[in-house]
Amino acid sequence: MTDEPGMTPQLHRELWSSWAGVLRSYAAVHSLGRDGHAVVEVSGAEILLRYGNRTLLFHPTALRESGGPEIPFHLTVNGRAVVGSTEDEMDLAAERLCREIIAV
């Protein structure tokens, strides 16, 4: 969880759950018609998106792609996702990340 003003533990849990939901939806869409399917595993501490041998591992303050370096990541109080230096609506960020990891 970030120290962003207004971010309560309850709000963060709701946003985290929403983030997992949009990741599941876009992972399913981008897996259609492919040999494999994407899997999203969720806990309170991390979300793992796996497609074949590629992964995206989300923590409340960072993400890591397939064991690479950590990239800053967080959810904002207004329901947006910040990945690196890019802030976007949650659904747009989730769609982009799923497309990038699945469409190889």
Protein backbone atom coordinates (compact mmCIF):
# COMPACT_ATOMS: atom_id res chain seq x y z
CA MET A 1 0.00 0.00 0.00
CA THR A 2 1.24 3.50 -0.79
CA ASP A 3 1.31 6.48 1.53
CA GLU A 4 -1.02 8.38 -0.80
CA PRO A 5 -3.44 10.65 1.12
CA GLY A 6 -6.83 9.01 1.46
CA MET A 7 -5.56 5.47 0.82
CA THR A 8 -6.97 3.43 3.67
CA PRO A 9 -6.30 -0.30 4.09
CA GLN A 10 -9.95 -1.01 3.20
CA LEU A 11 -9.79 1.11 0.03
CA HIS A 12 -6.53 -0.54 -0.97
CA ARG A 13 -8.08 -4.02 -0.53
CA GLU A 14 -11.00 -2.99 -2.77
CA LEU A 15 -8.70 -1.54 -5.43
CA TRP A 16 -6.41 -4.61 -5.24
CA SER A 17 -9.42 -6.89 -5.76
CA SER A 18 -10.60 -4.75 -8.69
CA TRP A 19 -7.11 -4.83 -10.22
CA ALA A 20 -7.09 -8.64 -10.00
CA GLY A 21 -10.52 -8.73 -11.66
CA VAL A 22 -9.54 -6.61 -14.66
CA LEU A 23 -6.32 -8.61 -15.04
CA ARG A 24 -8.36 -11.84 -15.10
CA SER A 25 -10.73 -10.43 -17.70
CA TYR A 26 -8.05 -9.17 -20.08
CA ALA A 27 -5.88 -12.25 -19.58
CA ALA A 28 -8.84 -14.40 -20.61
CA VAL A 29 -9.57 -12.26 -23.66
CA HIS A 30 -5.98 -12.23 -24.86
CA SER A 31 -5.71 -16.01 -24.31
CA LEU A 32 -8.63 -16.79 -26.63
CA GLY A 33 -7.65 -18.82 -29.66
CA ARG A 34 -4.16 -19.56 -28.32
CA ASP A 35 -2.63 -22.91 -27.43
CA GLY A 36 -2.41 -22.03 -23.72
CA HIS A 37 -4.37 -19.89 -21.35
CA ALA A 38 -3.33 -17.27 -18.84
CA VAL A 39 -3.65 -17.89 -15.11
CA VAL A 40 -4.10 -15.19 -12.48
CA GLU A 41 -3.34 -16.13 -8.86
CA VAL A 42 -4.33 -13.64 -6.18
CA SER A 43 -3.46 -13.09 -2.53
CA GLY A 44 -3.50 -10.02 -0.33
CA ALA A 45 0.24 -9.57 -0.84
CA GLU A 46 0.69 -10.35 -4.54
CA ILE A 47 -0.98 -11.05 -7.84
CA LEU A 48 0.69 -13.40 -10.32
CA LEU A 49 -0.24 -13.38 -14.01
CA ARG A 50 1.24 -16.39 -15.76
CA TYR A 51 1.17 -17.30 -19.44
CA GLY A 52 3.45 -20.17 -20.44
CA ASN A 53 6.87 -19.35 -19.03
CA ARG A 54 6.20 -15.61 -18.86
CA THR A 55 5.00 -13.97 -15.66
CA LEU A 56 4.02 -10.63 -14.20
CA LEU A 57 4.23 -10.50 -10.41
CA PHE A 58 2.47 -7.55 -8.79
CA HIS A 59 3.08 -6.28 -5.27
CA PRO A 60 1.38 -3.16 -3.88
CA THR A 61 4.44 -1.01 -4.70
CA ALA A 62 6.21 -2.83 -7.56
CA LEU A 63 5.86 -5.34 -10.36
CA ARG A 64 8.35 -7.74 -11.89
CA GLU A 65 8.17 -9.34 -15.32
CA SER A 66 9.54 -12.89 -15.65
CA GLY A 67 12.17 -12.42 -12.94
CA GLY A 68 13.45 -9.13 -14.37
CA PRO A 69 14.03 -5.94 -12.43
CA GLU A 70 11.29 -4.43 -10.29
CA ILE A 71 9.29 -1.58 -11.80
CA PRO A 72 7.41 0.88 -9.58
CA PHE A 73 3.69 0.11 -9.47
CA HIS A 74 0.79 1.28 -7.36
CA LEU A 75 -2.93 1.90 -7.43
CA THR A 76 -4.24 5.39 -6.71
CA VAL A 77 -7.19 6.47 -4.58
CA ASN A 78 -9.04 7.48 -7.75
CA GLY A 79 -8.80 3.97 -9.23
CA ARG A 80 -5.88 4.40 -11.57
CA ALA A 81 -2.77 2.26 -11.98
CA VAL A 82 0.73 3.69 -12.06
CA VAL A 83 3.29 1.50 -13.87
CA GLY A 84 6.74 3.04 -13.90
CA SER A 85 6.11 6.67 -14.79
CA THR A 86 2.85 5.99 -16.67
CA GLU A 87 -0.50 6.54 -14.93
CA ASP A 88 -3.61 5.22 -16.64
CA GLU A 89 -7.11 3.98 -15.93
CA MET A 90 -6.94 0.54 -14.33
CA ASP A 91 -8.62 -1.24 -17.22
CA LEU A 92 -6.38 0.37 -19.84
CA ALA A 93 -3.23 -0.47 -17.88
CA ALA A 94 -4.39 -4.07 -17.32
CA GLU A 95 -5.25 -4.53 -21.00
CA ARG A 96 -1.86 -3.22 -22.10
CA LEU A 97 0.09 -5.40 -19.65
CA CYS A 98 -1.88 -8.54 -20.52
CA ARG A 99 -1.48 -7.91 -24.23
CA GLU A 100 2.27 -7.41 -23.83
CA ILE A 101 2.83 -10.62 -21.86
CA ILE A 102 0.45 -12.87 -23.81
CA ALA A 103 0.81 -11.63 -27.39
CA VAL A 104 4.36 -12.82 -28.01
